[in-house]
Protein backbone atom coordinates (compact mmCIF):
# COMPACT_ATOMS: atom_id res chain seq x y z
CA MET A 1 -135.60 -166.95 169.84
CA SER A 2 -133.60 -170.10 169.16
CA SER A 3 -133.06 -171.36 165.70
CA ILE A 4 -135.92 -173.31 164.31
CA THR A 5 -133.68 -176.22 163.37
CA THR A 6 -133.31 -178.34 166.65
CA SER A 7 -131.92 -181.84 166.52
CA ALA A 8 -134.56 -182.92 168.98
CA LEU A 9 -137.24 -182.02 166.52
CA ASP A 10 -135.54 -183.44 163.45
CA THR A 11 -138.45 -185.55 162.34
CA PRO A 12 -139.17 -186.64 158.77
CA ALA A 13 -142.03 -184.29 158.50
CA ARG A 14 -139.80 -181.33 159.60
CA ARG A 15 -137.20 -182.31 157.17
CA SER A 16 -139.73 -182.40 154.52
CA VAL A 17 -140.81 -178.81 155.22
CA GLU A 18 -137.23 -177.63 155.37
CA ARG A 19 -136.56 -179.23 152.05
CA THR A 20 -139.71 -177.56 150.63
CA CYS A 21 -138.62 -174.22 151.95
CA ASP A 22 -135.11 -174.64 150.35
CA ASP A 23 -136.73 -175.68 147.06
CA LEU A 24 -139.02 -172.71 147.09
CA ALA A 25 -136.00 -170.35 147.82
CA VAL A 26 -134.16 -171.75 144.79
CA PHE A 27 -137.32 -171.35 142.73
CA VAL A 28 -137.55 -167.67 143.90
CA LEU A 29 -133.94 -167.08 142.86
CA ALA A 30 -134.49 -168.61 139.47
CA ALA A 31 -137.60 -166.42 139.00
CA VAL A 32 -135.80 -163.25 139.88
CA THR A 33 -133.00 -164.25 137.60
CA LEU A 34 -135.34 -164.78 134.81
CA ILE A 35 -137.13 -161.56 135.37
CA ALA A 36 -133.81 -159.67 135.68
CA GLY A 37 -132.60 -161.10 132.43
CA LEU A 38 -135.71 -159.98 130.61
CA THR A 39 -135.84 -156.52 132.04
CA PHE A 40 -132.34 -155.27 132.86
CA ARG A 41 -132.30 -153.20 129.66
CA ASP A 42 -135.23 -151.15 130.84
CA TYR A 43 -133.27 -149.32 133.50
CA GLY A 44 -132.02 -145.94 132.49
CA LEU A 45 -128.84 -144.20 133.41
CA GLY A 46 -128.41 -142.17 136.62
CA TRP A 47 -126.32 -139.14 137.34
CA ASP A 48 -123.24 -141.07 138.19
CA ASP A 49 -123.08 -143.78 135.47
CA TYR A 50 -121.13 -141.85 132.85
CA THR A 51 -118.51 -140.74 135.23
CA HIS A 52 -118.22 -144.14 136.77
CA ALA A 53 -117.53 -145.62 133.20
CA GLU A 54 -114.75 -142.92 132.76
CA TYR A 55 -113.30 -143.99 136.05
CA ALA A 56 -113.26 -147.62 134.95
CA ASP A 57 -111.26 -146.74 131.87
CA LEU A 58 -108.84 -144.84 133.96
CA LEU A 59 -108.40 -147.71 136.35
CA LEU A 60 -107.83 -150.23 133.62
CA ARG A 61 -105.34 -147.92 131.90
CA MET A 62 -103.46 -147.59 135.23
CA PHE A 63 -103.29 -151.46 135.48
CA GLY A 64 -102.48 -151.85 131.88
CA SER A 65 -99.59 -149.35 132.06
CA GLY A 66 -98.03 -150.85 135.13
CA PHE A 67 -99.02 -147.93 137.35
CA THR A 68 -97.23 -145.32 135.20
CA ASP A 69 -100.64 -143.78 134.12
CA THR A 70 -101.98 -142.62 137.45
CA ALA A 71 -104.81 -140.36 136.24
CA ALA A 72 -107.37 -142.58 138.01
CA LEU A 73 -105.71 -141.58 141.42
CA SER A 74 -106.98 -137.99 141.11
CA PHE A 75 -110.14 -138.41 139.04
CA ALA A 76 -113.02 -136.19 140.45
CA ASN A 77 -113.54 -137.61 143.88
CA LEU A 78 -114.05 -141.15 142.74
CA TYR A 79 -110.54 -142.15 143.60
CA MET A 80 -111.74 -142.25 147.21
CA TYR A 81 -114.20 -144.87 146.28
CA GLY A 82 -113.47 -148.39 145.09
CA GLY A 83 -113.92 -149.07 141.30
CA GLY A 84 -114.21 -152.82 141.30
CA PHE A 85 -117.85 -152.87 139.87
CA ASP A 86 -116.88 -150.38 137.17
CA MET A 87 -113.78 -152.32 136.21
CA VAL A 88 -115.62 -155.72 135.93
CA ALA A 89 -118.20 -154.01 133.81
CA ALA A 90 -115.66 -152.46 131.53
CA LEU A 91 -113.93 -155.76 131.11
CA LEU A 92 -117.26 -157.62 130.71
CA HIS A 93 -118.24 -155.13 127.99
CA LYS A 94 -115.07 -156.30 125.88
CA ILE A 95 -116.38 -159.87 125.72
CA ILE A 96 -120.22 -159.71 125.51
CA PRO A 97 -122.22 -158.31 122.68
CA LEU A 98 -124.07 -155.55 124.77
CA GLU A 99 -123.67 -151.79 124.85
CA LEU A 100 -121.59 -150.56 127.77
CA PHE A 101 -124.46 -149.31 129.85
CA GLU A 102 -126.48 -152.33 129.18
CA THR A 103 -123.51 -154.25 130.29
CA ARG A 104 -123.58 -152.32 133.53
CA ARG A 105 -127.18 -153.01 134.07
CA LEU A 106 -126.67 -156.74 133.55
CA LEU A 107 -123.76 -156.70 136.05
CA GLY A 108 -125.87 -154.88 138.51
CA ALA A 109 -128.47 -157.59 138.21
CA VAL A 110 -125.90 -160.26 138.70
CA VAL A 111 -124.46 -158.53 141.72
CA GLY A 112 -127.92 -157.97 143.22
CA LEU A 113 -128.80 -161.86 142.65
CA ILE A 114 -125.48 -162.65 144.51
CA GLY A 115 -126.75 -160.48 147.39
CA LEU A 116 -130.12 -162.21 147.52
CA ALA A 117 -128.51 -165.60 147.55
CA VAL A 118 -126.03 -164.70 150.29
CA THR A 119 -128.73 -163.03 152.37
CA TRP A 120 -130.85 -166.23 152.08
CA ARG A 121 -128.07 -168.40 153.12
CA LEU A 122 -127.18 -166.01 156.08
CA ALA A 123 -130.89 -166.08 157.21
CA ARG A 124 -131.08 -169.76 156.82
CA ARG A 125 -128.08 -170.03 159.03
CA VAL A 126 -129.50 -167.66 161.63
CA GLY A 127 -133.14 -168.97 161.70
CA GLY A 128 -133.40 -172.14 159.54
CA PRO A 129 -134.93 -172.80 156.19
CA LEU A 130 -138.27 -170.94 156.86
CA ALA A 131 -136.43 -167.89 157.88
CA GLY A 132 -134.16 -168.08 154.91
CA LEU A 133 -137.21 -168.23 152.52
CA ALA A 134 -139.02 -165.49 154.25
CA THR A 135 -135.92 -163.27 154.17
CA LEU A 136 -135.33 -163.97 150.48
CA LEU A 137 -139.03 -162.92 149.74
CA LEU A 138 -138.61 -159.92 151.83
CA LEU A 139 -135.50 -158.66 150.04
CA ALA A 140 -136.54 -159.57 146.58
CA LEU A 141 -139.85 -157.70 147.19
CA CYS A 142 -138.22 -154.73 148.77
CA PRO A 143 -138.65 -152.27 145.93
CA THR A 144 -135.79 -149.98 147.07
CA PHE A 145 -133.23 -152.77 147.12
CA TYR A 146 -134.57 -154.31 143.97
CA GLY A 147 -134.48 -150.97 142.03
CA HIS A 148 -131.09 -149.95 143.15
CA MET A 149 -129.35 -153.20 142.38
CA PHE A 150 -129.74 -152.52 138.56
CA MET A 151 -128.54 -149.06 138.33
CA ASN A 152 -126.59 -147.94 141.45
CA PRO A 153 -122.80 -148.65 140.89
CA LYS A 154 -121.67 -147.76 144.43
CA ASP A 155 -124.39 -148.47 146.98
CA ALA A 156 -125.73 -151.70 145.75
CA PRO A 157 -122.41 -153.43 145.38
CA PHE A 158 -121.49 -152.16 148.84
CA ALA A 159 -124.76 -153.61 150.36
CA VAL A 160 -123.84 -157.03 148.87
CA SER A 161 -120.31 -156.79 150.02
CA MET A 162 -121.44 -155.92 153.55
CA VAL A 163 -123.88 -158.91 153.65
CA ILE A 164 -121.02 -161.34 152.55
CA LEU A 165 -118.98 -159.93 155.45
CA MET A 166 -121.87 -160.40 157.90
CA LEU A 167 -122.20 -164.01 156.73
CA GLY A 168 -118.55 -164.50 157.65
CA LEU A 169 -118.99 -162.87 161.11
CA VAL A 170 -122.12 -165.03 161.88
CA ARG A 171 -120.08 -168.14 160.95
CA LEU A 172 -117.33 -166.96 163.14
CA ALA A 173 -119.66 -166.62 166.10
CA GLU A 174 -120.94 -170.17 165.55
CA GLU A 175 -117.52 -171.67 165.12
CA TYR A 176 -115.70 -169.57 167.77
CA PRO A 177 -112.92 -170.30 168.89
CA GLN A 178 -112.06 -172.61 165.75
CA PRO A 179 -113.16 -170.63 162.72
CA SER A 180 -112.91 -172.88 159.55
CA PRO A 181 -110.75 -171.91 156.61
CA ARG A 182 -114.02 -171.18 154.77
CA THR A 183 -115.17 -168.83 157.44
CA VAL A 184 -111.79 -167.03 157.40
CA LEU A 185 -111.92 -166.72 153.48
CA ILE A 186 -115.49 -165.29 153.54
CA ILE A 187 -114.49 -162.65 156.27
CA GLY A 188 -111.46 -161.79 154.20
CA LEU A 189 -113.48 -161.53 151.09
CA GLY A 190 -116.30 -159.46 152.60
CA ALA A 191 -113.98 -157.14 154.46
CA GLY A 192 -111.82 -156.39 151.28
CA LEU A 193 -114.98 -155.89 149.14
CA SER A 194 -116.77 -153.81 151.65
CA ILE A 195 -113.97 -151.35 152.52
CA GLY A 196 -112.85 -151.45 148.81
CA CYS A 197 -116.39 -150.12 147.85
CA ARG A 198 -116.62 -147.58 150.64
CA ILE A 199 -114.71 -146.69 153.59
CA LEU A 200 -117.81 -147.02 155.57
CA GLY A 201 -117.45 -150.72 155.46
CA GLY A 202 -115.14 -150.28 158.58
CA LEU A 203 -118.40 -150.17 160.57
CA ALA A 204 -118.47 -153.90 160.59
CA LEU A 205 -115.53 -153.82 163.01
CA VAL A 206 -117.85 -151.93 165.40
CA TYR A 207 -120.66 -154.51 164.78
CA ALA A 208 -118.19 -157.23 165.71
CA MET A 209 -116.72 -155.56 168.67
CA VAL A 210 -120.06 -154.87 170.30
CA GLY A 211 -121.79 -157.97 168.97
CA PHE A 212 -119.14 -160.45 170.33
CA LEU A 213 -119.29 -158.99 173.96
CA PRO A 214 -122.01 -161.48 175.01
CA LEU A 215 -119.96 -164.44 173.67
CA LEU A 216 -116.71 -163.06 175.28
CA ILE A 217 -118.25 -162.42 178.60
CA GLU A 218 -119.56 -165.94 178.59
CA GLU A 219 -116.16 -167.16 177.79
CA VAL A 220 -114.62 -165.34 180.59
CA ARG A 221 -117.30 -166.69 182.95
CA THR A 222 -116.94 -170.36 181.88
CA GLN A 223 -113.20 -170.55 180.97
CA GLY A 224 -111.66 -167.96 183.12
CA ALA A 225 -110.04 -164.71 182.08
CA ARG A 226 -106.61 -166.26 181.18
CA LYS A 227 -108.02 -169.07 178.98
CA ALA A 228 -110.63 -166.61 177.40
CA ILE A 229 -107.94 -164.22 176.37
CA HIS A 230 -105.81 -167.11 175.03
CA ARG A 231 -108.75 -168.38 172.88
CA PHE A 232 -109.46 -164.88 171.56
CA GLY A 233 -105.79 -164.39 170.69
CA HIS A 234 -105.90 -167.76 168.74
CA VAL A 235 -108.96 -166.54 166.80
CA VAL A 236 -107.16 -163.38 165.95
CA TYR A 237 -104.13 -165.32 164.72
CA VAL A 238 -106.44 -167.61 162.54
CA LEU A 239 -108.05 -164.74 161.03
CA LEU A 240 -104.77 -162.96 159.96
CA PRO A 241 -104.54 -164.77 156.60
CA GLY A 242 -108.06 -163.68 155.84
CA LEU A 243 -107.49 -160.16 156.79
CA LEU A 244 -104.38 -160.14 154.49
CA LEU A 245 -106.50 -161.40 151.75
CA GLY A 246 -108.94 -158.66 152.45
CA TYR A 247 -106.19 -156.05 152.31
CA LEU A 248 -105.18 -157.50 148.82
CA ILE A 249 -108.62 -157.36 147.52
CA MET A 250 -109.14 -153.86 148.91
CA GLY A 251 -105.98 -152.79 147.03
CA LEU A 252 -107.21 -154.31 143.82
CA VAL A 253 -110.70 -152.74 143.73
CA TRP A 254 -109.52 -149.44 145.36
CA PRO A 255 -105.95 -148.84 144.41
CA TRP A 256 -105.60 -145.36 145.96
CA SER A 257 -106.36 -147.00 149.34
CA ILE A 258 -102.91 -148.61 149.48
CA ILE A 259 -100.74 -145.96 147.73
CA LYS A 260 -100.26 -144.40 151.17
CA PRO A 261 -101.14 -146.14 154.41
CA GLY A 262 -103.23 -143.22 155.63
CA ASN A 263 -105.24 -142.82 152.53
CA PRO A 264 -108.32 -144.86 153.82
CA LEU A 265 -108.42 -142.46 156.99
CA GLN A 266 -108.13 -139.54 154.65
CA ALA A 267 -111.16 -140.78 152.79
CA LEU A 268 -113.07 -141.16 156.09
CA THR A 269 -112.28 -137.62 156.93
CA TYR A 270 -113.18 -136.36 153.49
CA PHE A 271 -116.58 -138.05 153.50
CA SER A 272 -117.39 -136.97 157.06
CA HIS A 273 -117.89 -133.48 155.76
CA PHE A 274 -120.12 -132.40 152.90
CA PHE A 275 -117.66 -132.15 149.78
CA GLU A 276 -119.97 -130.36 147.29
CA LYS A 277 -121.71 -127.13 146.85
CA PRO A 278 -124.93 -127.44 148.84
CA TRP A 279 -128.29 -127.69 147.02
CA LYS A 280 -131.89 -128.21 148.05
CA GLU A 281 -134.04 -131.26 147.98
CA MET A 282 -137.70 -131.87 148.70
CA PHE A 283 -138.35 -133.41 152.18
CA ASP A 284 -141.74 -133.61 153.69
CA GLY A 285 -143.08 -130.90 151.36
CA ALA A 286 -140.38 -128.41 152.09
CA LEU A 287 -137.21 -127.53 150.23
CA VAL A 288 -134.30 -128.14 152.55
CA SER A 289 -130.47 -127.68 152.05
CA VAL A 290 -128.85 -131.04 152.16
CA PRO A 291 -126.43 -130.14 154.89
CA ASP A 292 -129.42 -129.11 157.07
CA MET A 293 -131.63 -132.15 156.83
CA PRO A 294 -133.46 -132.93 160.09
CA TRP A 295 -132.56 -135.94 162.25
CA SER A 296 -135.91 -137.30 161.11
CA TYR A 297 -134.83 -137.74 157.34
CA LEU A 298 -133.86 -141.27 157.53
CA PRO A 299 -136.28 -142.73 160.01
CA THR A 300 -139.11 -141.03 157.94
CA LEU A 301 -137.86 -142.23 154.65
CA PHE A 302 -137.32 -145.84 155.95
CA ALA A 303 -140.73 -145.89 157.50
CA LEU A 304 -142.36 -144.53 154.36
CA GLN A 305 -140.34 -146.58 151.69
CA LEU A 306 -139.91 -150.03 153.21
CA PRO A 307 -142.79 -152.59 152.74
CA GLU A 308 -145.15 -152.62 155.75
CA VAL A 309 -144.56 -156.26 156.55
CA LEU A 310 -140.84 -155.81 156.68
CA LEU A 311 -141.13 -152.93 159.14
CA GLY A 312 -143.52 -154.78 161.41
CA LEU A 313 -141.46 -157.85 161.51
CA LEU A 314 -138.21 -155.88 161.92
CA VAL A 315 -139.52 -153.91 164.91
CA ALA A 316 -140.55 -157.26 166.55
CA ALA A 317 -137.06 -158.80 165.95
CA ILE A 318 -135.23 -155.86 167.47
CA VAL A 319 -137.45 -156.08 170.48
CA VAL A 320 -136.78 -159.78 170.77
CA THR A 321 -133.12 -159.24 170.41
CA PHE A 322 -132.70 -156.77 173.34
CA MET A 323 -134.94 -158.88 175.41
CA SER A 324 -132.95 -161.94 174.73
CA LEU A 325 -129.64 -160.15 176.11
CA SER A 326 -130.81 -160.37 179.75
CA ARG A 327 -132.24 -164.02 179.41
CA THR A 328 -130.19 -166.81 180.81
CA ASP A 329 -131.80 -169.60 178.52
CA VAL A 330 -130.58 -167.86 175.38
CA PRO A 331 -126.99 -169.16 174.46
CA ALA A 332 -124.34 -166.49 174.32
CA ARG A 333 -123.55 -167.40 170.61
CA ARG A 334 -127.17 -166.66 169.78
CA LYS A 335 -127.24 -163.33 171.63
CA THR A 336 -123.98 -162.31 169.65
CA ILE A 337 -125.48 -163.27 166.27
CA LEU A 338 -128.67 -161.33 167.02
CA LEU A 339 -126.87 -158.39 168.40
CA MET A 340 -124.49 -158.21 165.43
CA LEU A 341 -127.45 -158.25 163.00
CA THR A 342 -129.24 -155.68 164.92
CA MET A 343 -126.22 -153.35 165.06
CA ALA A 344 -125.80 -153.85 161.19
CA ALA A 345 -129.56 -152.91 160.64
CA THR A 346 -129.76 -149.89 162.91
CA LEU A 347 -126.43 -148.45 163.96
CA PRO A 348 -125.66 -146.60 160.68
CA LEU A 349 -129.08 -144.85 160.97
CA VAL A 350 -128.55 -143.92 164.52
CA ILE A 351 -125.19 -142.48 163.84
CA ALA A 352 -126.58 -140.35 161.05
CA MET A 353 -129.44 -139.15 163.25
CA VAL A 354 -126.95 -138.02 165.80
CA LYS A 355 -124.22 -136.74 163.67
CA ARG A 356 -126.53 -135.20 161.08
CA PRO A 357 -124.24 -135.29 158.06
CA ALA A 358 -125.44 -134.11 154.70
CA LEU A 359 -128.22 -136.21 153.49
CA TYR A 360 -129.72 -136.52 149.93
CA ASN A 361 -130.95 -138.84 147.39
CA GLY A 362 -133.40 -140.55 149.73
CA ILE A 363 -131.93 -143.68 151.41
CA ARG A 364 -129.68 -144.88 148.56
CA HIS A 365 -126.60 -144.43 150.66
CA PHE A 366 -128.07 -146.55 153.28
CA ILE A 367 -129.46 -149.50 151.46
CA PHE A 368 -126.61 -151.70 152.88
CA VAL A 369 -128.69 -151.84 156.12
CA ILE A 370 -131.62 -153.42 154.05
CA PRO A 371 -130.30 -157.01 153.92
CA PRO A 372 -129.63 -157.34 157.73
CA MET A 373 -133.02 -155.89 158.29
CA THR A 374 -134.59 -158.57 156.13
CA VAL A 375 -132.57 -161.31 158.03
CA LEU A 376 -134.00 -160.15 161.34
CA ALA A 377 -137.49 -159.84 159.79
CA GLY A 378 -137.40 -163.29 158.23
CA ALA A 379 -136.17 -164.80 161.56
CA ALA A 380 -138.91 -163.10 163.36
CA PHE A 381 -141.45 -164.63 160.96
CA ALA A 382 -139.96 -168.11 161.55
CA TRP A 383 -140.13 -167.59 165.26
CA THR A 384 -143.67 -166.56 165.06
CA MET A 385 -144.64 -169.57 163.04
CA GLU A 386 -142.72 -171.88 165.46
CA TRP A 387 -144.50 -170.39 168.46
CA LEU A 388 -147.89 -170.56 166.82
CA LYS A 389 -147.27 -174.24 166.07
CA GLU A 390 -146.51 -174.96 169.69
CA LYS A 391 -149.30 -172.77 171.28
CA HIS A 392 -151.89 -171.75 168.81
CA ARG A 393 -151.63 -174.04 165.70
CA ARG A 394 -154.89 -172.92 164.33
CA TRP A 395 -153.69 -169.39 163.88
CA GLN A 396 -150.73 -170.49 161.61
CA PRO A 397 -152.81 -170.26 158.41
CA ALA A 398 -153.92 -166.65 159.40
CA ALA A 399 -150.30 -165.66 160.13
CA MET A 400 -149.22 -167.09 156.82
CA ALA A 401 -152.03 -165.20 154.91
CA VAL A 402 -151.03 -161.95 156.60
CA PHE A 403 -147.42 -162.50 155.60
CA SER A 404 -148.44 -163.30 152.07
CA PHE A 405 -150.68 -160.23 151.80
CA GLY A 406 -147.79 -158.16 153.10
CA LEU A 407 -145.59 -159.33 150.28
CA LEU A 408 -148.34 -158.73 147.64
CA LEU A 409 -148.49 -155.03 148.59
CA PRO A 410 -144.90 -154.23 147.43
CA LEU A 411 -145.03 -156.80 144.54
CA SER A 412 -148.06 -154.99 143.08
CA GLU A 413 -146.35 -151.61 143.46
CA MET A 414 -143.21 -152.89 141.84
CA ILE A 415 -145.23 -154.05 138.92
CA ARG A 416 -146.89 -150.67 138.46
CA LEU A 417 -143.68 -148.68 138.92
CA HIS A 418 -141.19 -150.69 136.78
CA PRO A 419 -138.65 -149.66 135.94
CA TYR A 420 -138.73 -147.16 138.61
CA GLU A 421 -139.06 -149.45 141.69
CA TYR A 422 -136.57 -147.52 143.69
CA THR A 423 -139.03 -144.59 143.81
CA HIS A 424 -141.47 -146.76 145.84
CA PHE A 425 -143.44 -145.39 148.78
CA ASN A 426 -145.49 -147.68 150.88
CA HIS A 427 -149.22 -147.49 151.62
CA ILE A 428 -148.51 -145.78 155.01
CA ALA A 429 -147.21 -142.89 152.77
CA GLY A 430 -150.03 -143.13 150.39
CA THR A 431 -147.79 -144.63 147.54
CA VAL A 432 -146.10 -142.44 145.08
CA ARG A 433 -149.38 -140.57 144.31
CA THR A 434 -149.16 -138.86 147.76
CA ALA A 435 -145.40 -138.79 148.22
CA ASP A 436 -144.90 -137.09 144.73
CA SER A 437 -145.84 -133.63 146.27
CA LEU A 438 -143.83 -134.28 149.47
CA PHE A 439 -140.62 -136.07 148.54
CA MET A 440 -138.35 -136.60 145.51
CA LEU A 441 -139.10 -139.65 143.47
CA ASP A 442 -136.94 -140.16 140.42
CA TYR A 443 -133.96 -138.19 141.84
CA TRP A 444 -131.47 -140.21 139.46
CA GLY A 445 -133.39 -139.31 136.37
CA LEU A 446 -133.99 -142.81 135.18
CA ALA A 447 -137.21 -141.75 133.28
CA LEU A 448 -135.21 -139.97 130.73
CA LYS A 449 -134.39 -143.31 128.99
CA GLN A 450 -137.99 -144.03 128.42
CA ALA A 451 -138.70 -140.50 127.46
CA SER A 452 -135.86 -140.49 124.93
CA ASP A 453 -136.99 -143.84 123.33
CA SER A 454 -140.63 -142.45 123.19
CA LEU A 455 -139.39 -139.19 121.47
CA ARG A 456 -137.53 -141.03 118.80
CA GLU A 457 -140.59 -143.29 118.20
CA GLU A 458 -142.77 -140.30 118.00
CA LEU A 459 -140.70 -138.56 115.53
CA VAL A 460 -140.56 -141.65 113.31
CA GLU A 461 -144.30 -141.98 113.53
CA ARG A 462 -144.71 -138.38 112.52
CA GLN A 463 -142.17 -138.76 109.73
CA GLU A 464 -140.25 -135.75 110.78
CA SER A 465 -136.59 -134.96 110.10
CA PRO A 466 -134.26 -132.41 111.73
CA PRO A 467 -133.66 -129.14 109.80
CA GLN A 468 -131.28 -129.20 106.97
CA GLY A 469 -127.66 -129.34 108.11
CA ARG A 470 -128.09 -129.96 111.80
CA LYS A 471 -129.32 -132.44 114.37
CA TRP A 472 -132.28 -132.20 116.62
CA LYS A 473 -131.68 -130.05 119.54
CA VAL A 474 -133.08 -131.04 122.90
CA ALA A 475 -132.97 -128.96 126.13
CA VAL A 476 -132.78 -131.23 129.16
CA CYS A 477 -133.76 -130.55 132.74
CA GLY A 478 -132.06 -133.40 134.56
CA PRO A 479 -128.90 -135.45 133.91
CA GLN A 480 -127.56 -134.50 130.63
CA ARG A 481 -125.04 -137.15 129.78
CA PRO A 482 -127.44 -139.98 130.46
CA ALA A 483 -130.00 -138.15 128.16
CA GLN A 484 -127.27 -137.91 125.47
CA VAL A 485 -126.69 -141.66 125.68
CA ALA A 486 -130.30 -142.50 125.65
CA LEU A 487 -131.15 -140.17 122.66
CA GLY A 488 -128.15 -141.33 120.53
CA PRO A 489 -125.95 -139.38 118.10
CA GLU A 490 -128.80 -137.95 115.99
CA PHE A 491 -129.59 -135.46 118.85
CA THR A 492 -127.67 -132.61 120.53
CA ILE A 493 -128.48 -131.95 124.00
CA GLY A 494 -127.93 -128.94 126.31
CA TRP A 495 -129.43 -126.37 128.62
CA ASP A 496 -130.24 -123.67 125.88
CA SER A 497 -133.98 -124.01 125.68
CA GLN A 498 -134.36 -120.93 123.53
CA SER A 499 -132.82 -122.42 120.50
CA ALA A 500 -133.92 -126.08 121.15
CA ASP A 501 -136.58 -128.04 119.27
CA PHE A 502 -137.77 -129.98 122.18
CA ALA A 503 -137.64 -129.88 125.95
CA MET A 504 -137.17 -132.97 128.11
CA THR A 505 -137.91 -132.57 131.78
CA LEU A 506 -138.15 -134.64 134.84
CA GLY A 507 -141.23 -134.59 136.93
CA GLU A 508 -139.16 -133.25 139.83
CA PHE A 509 -139.76 -129.85 141.62
CA TYR A 510 -136.86 -128.16 139.97
CA CYS A 511 -138.20 -128.64 136.40
CA LYS A 512 -140.80 -126.08 135.21
CA GLY A 513 -144.08 -127.14 133.67
CA LEU A 514 -144.10 -125.69 130.21
CA THR A 515 -146.90 -124.11 128.16
CA ALA A 516 -146.20 -126.17 125.12
CA PRO A 517 -147.58 -129.23 123.28
CA VAL A 518 -146.72 -132.39 125.13
CA MET A 519 -145.09 -135.00 122.75
CA VAL A 520 -144.27 -137.60 125.46
CA GLU A 521 -145.38 -138.18 129.00
CA ILE A 522 -143.95 -140.96 131.26
CA LYS A 523 -146.37 -141.77 134.11
CA ARG A 524 -146.59 -144.27 136.73
CA ASP A 525 -149.66 -144.53 139.00
CA ASP A 526 -150.85 -141.15 137.69
CA VAL A 527 -147.57 -139.52 138.74
CA VAL A 528 -145.40 -137.79 136.05
CA PHE A 529 -141.89 -138.95 135.84
CA ALA A 530 -140.85 -137.17 132.65
CA ARG A 531 -142.33 -135.10 129.72
CA VAL A 532 -141.02 -134.06 126.28
CA TYR A 533 -142.43 -130.84 124.96
CA ASP A 534 -142.43 -129.48 121.44
CA ILE A 535 -140.94 -125.95 121.89
CA ARG A 536 -140.07 -125.13 118.33
CA GLY A 537 -140.55 -121.34 117.75
CA ARG A 538 -141.70 -120.64 121.56
CA GLY A 539 -138.51 -119.10 122.85
CA ILE A 540 -138.72 -120.91 126.26
CA SER A 541 -136.26 -118.92 128.52
CA THR A 542 -135.43 -121.67 131.10
CA LEU A 543 -136.50 -125.04 132.10
CA LEU A 544 -135.77 -124.57 135.70
CA ALA A 545 -138.58 -123.73 138.16
CA ILE A 546 -137.93 -120.95 140.59
CA PRO A 547 -139.14 -122.45 143.88
CA ALA A 548 -141.01 -120.26 146.35
CA PRO A 549 -138.90 -119.29 149.39
C-alpha cells in the first residue's frame, strides 16, 4: 500500500528498473503522439461540433469587440459551459493550414495527450515509476477515453482539466502544510480549467474535503487542535493566489461565469434538471426515456465498456484503499491521497446512481472519472508486483503476462473499431457484436464521415453526375450538419427522403432499414455503423423507424 519508491530500497538495480519504466512511458507517449498525428483526420463530426464552432466565433467576437458584442452570453445553452477548447481551436485554425474541423480533431488529440502525460506523472507520484507506466498503458488503451479525446469538445477537455487539478491536490497532500509555488500554480490552473469547462468541476472540493480528513485528524492528534488549525489556515492563505489565478482562468474560458457572481450556481441549478425535450435511447435491449434511466445505467455501462484488466485492478485498489483507512501502519498522507483518488473515481457515479438525473449518450459525461480510475489500477498493479517480488517472486512473470494479455484485448478491439473506438464494449459484454442489439454504439454519428467519403468515391467511380441544374440530394438519418460538412458543397442534405437521390442512415435503432440498393456500408466487426442507399425513383416516405412500444 505504500509507494514502491522507498529510500531503503534505492539500489542500483531498482534505479535501473525505474529508469526503464520512465523510458518506456516516454516511448508510449511518443507512439500515441505519432498514431494520433497520422489518424486524427479519420474522426468524423459529432452532434455538437458545428454548434461549438459557432460558439467559438461568438466568444472571439465578444473579446474582439471589448465585450460590446455579447451574443455569446445567450447562445443556445452553451454559455453555461466554458468555451476554452472551442476558442483555442478557432484561433489555431487561423494559423495552421487545416480545415476547421480537422483543426478541432488535432487539438483534441493534443489535449488528450496532455491528459495522458499528466495522468502518468500523477500515477508515478502516487505509486512509483511502474505504477506510472501501468497507468499510462491502461489509459492509452482505454478505448472510451482514447476515442473521446479526438472528438468530444466538452467532456474530454474537462477530464484532462480534472486530472490536472487532482495532480495539484495530491502534491498538496504530500507537501502539507508547506505547499510549493508550483503546487499552488497547478491547483489554480486545474481549478480554473475544470470549473471553466463544466460547473461539475466543483466536485473536486468535495474530494479534497473528504480526502484530507485522515491527514487533518492526524494533525490534530500529533500537533494539537490549536496548532493544527493554525497550520490549516496557513495552507488556505498560501493557496489564495492560486485560487485567484483559477478564478481568472475560469473567467477567460467561461466569460458568462463572472458576469454575475451567482451565474455558476445558476448553471449548477440548470444542469441539475433535464433541460431538453425527453427522447428515448436503447439501454439493455429496451427503449427508455432519458429522464427515466435506471440507477444501474452507469455501473452497467462502465462494467461493459471499460477494459477487463482495468476493472479488475480498480476493484482491488478500492478495496485496498478502504482497508488502509483503519490501519495504523499506513501514513495519514498516504490515506489522504488514496481516499481522494477513490472519491474522484467513484463519487460522481454514486451521486448519479442515487439522484438519478437524466442519463444519455452512454458514459461520455463521466469520462472524467476514468483517469483517476487508471491511477488506482496502475498503483494496484505496482503493489501486486512488489508484493510478489517479496513473497512469491516466481509468480511475477505470470502476473506480468496476465497484465499484458489484459492490455492486448482492448488494443485489438481498438484496431478493429478505428476510428470508432468510443463505441467499444469489452468481452464481458460480448464486444460490439452482442452490444449492438442492446445498447447504442455510434450515438454521435461519427460514421457519417466515412459514409460520405465513400459515397463521393462511389459516384466518381460510376462516373455519375447530378441531374442538370441541381446538386445531389441526400436524406440523412442522423446529425445533419456534420453530414453536410462531410459531404461538401456538391450535395444538399435534409430530411425529405421522397425527393432525395440517396439516403444516408446510421446503424442505430431509430434509422429504418430500407428496401433499396446499398451503395455504401460502413461496418466494424460485422456491425453496421452506417449505410448509403440509392433511393432514386423509390419514393421513400421516411428514414425513421417506428419502434415497437
